[in-house]
Amino acid sequence: MAGTAWNPTFSIPGSILDHDKYSGTDLMRTLESSFANEKMEQIANQLHLHISTLRYRLQKIEQLTGYSYFNTRDRLTLYIAYLI
């Protein structure tokens, strides 16, 4: 559609899912759990991960998408992209 701005939220889940598929990671599940739990310790416990592993996964999501879980606006963008 002419005049419509490109919406990056459509490519976010795809980049994470592609990485999970080809690398055998579980980043999308990590992201899902991070939306369901507020504290890092809760997220790590739900996923049965060490807190350092959780931080690594969230940083990997940032590398893949350009959006940081630790930034409020970026986290909102990630959440909206997840919902779409």
Protein backbone atom coordinates (compact mmCIF):
# COMPACT_ATOMS: atom_id res chain seq x y z
CA MET A 1 0.00 0.00 0.00
CA ALA A 2 1.49 3.33 -1.05
CA GLY A 3 2.27 5.78 1.71
CA THR A 4 2.23 3.16 4.44
CA ALA A 5 5.26 3.11 6.71
CA TRP A 6 7.11 -0.17 7.08
CA ASN A 7 6.17 -1.83 10.35
CA PRO A 8 9.12 -3.66 11.95
CA THR A 9 6.91 -5.58 14.36
CA PHE A 10 6.04 -8.11 11.67
CA SER A 11 9.65 -9.24 11.27
CA ILE A 12 10.46 -9.58 14.97
CA PRO A 13 8.81 -12.95 15.71
CA GLY A 14 10.08 -14.33 12.41
CA SER A 15 13.71 -13.53 13.20
CA ILE A 16 13.42 -15.17 16.62
CA LEU A 17 11.58 -18.24 15.30
CA ASP A 18 14.10 -18.63 12.46
CA HIS A 19 16.95 -18.53 14.95
CA ASP A 20 15.21 -21.09 17.18
CA LYS A 21 14.62 -23.38 14.20
CA TYR A 22 18.16 -23.28 12.84
CA SER A 23 20.06 -23.06 16.12
CA GLY A 24 17.94 -25.29 18.32
CA THR A 25 17.38 -22.46 20.80
CA ASP A 26 14.22 -21.59 22.70
CA LEU A 27 14.26 -17.80 22.49
CA MET A 28 10.56 -17.42 21.66
CA ARG A 29 9.60 -19.42 24.75
CA THR A 30 11.97 -17.21 26.75
CA LEU A 31 10.29 -14.11 25.39
CA GLU A 32 6.81 -15.52 26.09
CA SER A 33 7.77 -16.31 29.67
CA SER A 34 9.25 -12.84 30.14
CA PHE A 35 5.87 -11.33 29.28
CA ALA A 36 4.06 -13.59 31.75
CA ASN A 37 6.42 -12.89 34.66
CA GLU A 38 7.63 -9.59 36.00
CA LYS A 39 10.85 -10.53 37.79
CA MET A 40 13.95 -12.08 36.26
CA GLU A 41 14.07 -14.71 39.00
CA GLN A 42 10.50 -15.77 38.21
CA ILE A 43 11.26 -16.05 34.52
CA ALA A 44 14.43 -18.07 35.15
CA ASN A 45 12.61 -20.38 37.55
CA GLN A 46 9.75 -20.98 35.13
CA LEU A 47 12.20 -21.87 32.37
CA HIS A 48 14.46 -23.85 34.72
CA LEU A 49 17.42 -21.62 33.80
CA HIS A 50 20.22 -19.94 35.65
CA ILE A 51 19.72 -16.17 35.73
CA SER A 52 22.88 -15.69 33.62
CA THR A 53 21.47 -17.95 30.92
CA LEU A 54 18.26 -15.95 30.93
CA ARG A 55 20.18 -12.69 30.53
CA TYR A 56 22.18 -14.22 27.67
CA ARG A 57 18.97 -15.25 25.91
CA LEU A 58 17.43 -11.81 26.31
CA GLN A 59 20.61 -10.24 24.93
CA LYS A 60 20.48 -12.65 21.99
CA ILE A 61 16.90 -11.52 21.30
CA GLU A 62 18.21 -7.95 21.23
CA GLN A 63 20.95 -8.91 18.75
CA LEU A 64 18.39 -10.56 16.47
CA THR A 65 15.69 -7.90 16.64
CA GLY A 66 17.41 -4.66 17.60
CA TYR A 67 15.02 -4.31 20.56
CA SER A 68 16.20 -4.60 24.15
CA TYR A 69 14.04 -6.36 26.71
CA PHE A 70 15.61 -4.08 29.32
CA ASN A 71 14.31 -0.90 27.64
CA THR A 72 10.64 -0.17 28.42
CA ARG A 73 9.74 1.06 24.92
CA ASP A 74 11.58 -1.80 23.25
CA ARG A 75 9.90 -4.32 25.54
CA LEU A 76 6.52 -2.88 24.56
CA THR A 77 7.44 -3.21 20.88
CA LEU A 78 8.49 -6.83 21.45
CA TYR A 79 5.21 -7.52 23.24
CA ILE A 80 3.09 -5.96 20.50
CA ALA A 81 5.01 -7.90 17.84
CA TYR A 82 4.45 -11.09 19.84
CA LEU A 83 0.70 -10.44 19.98
CA ILE A 84 0.32 -9.75 16.26
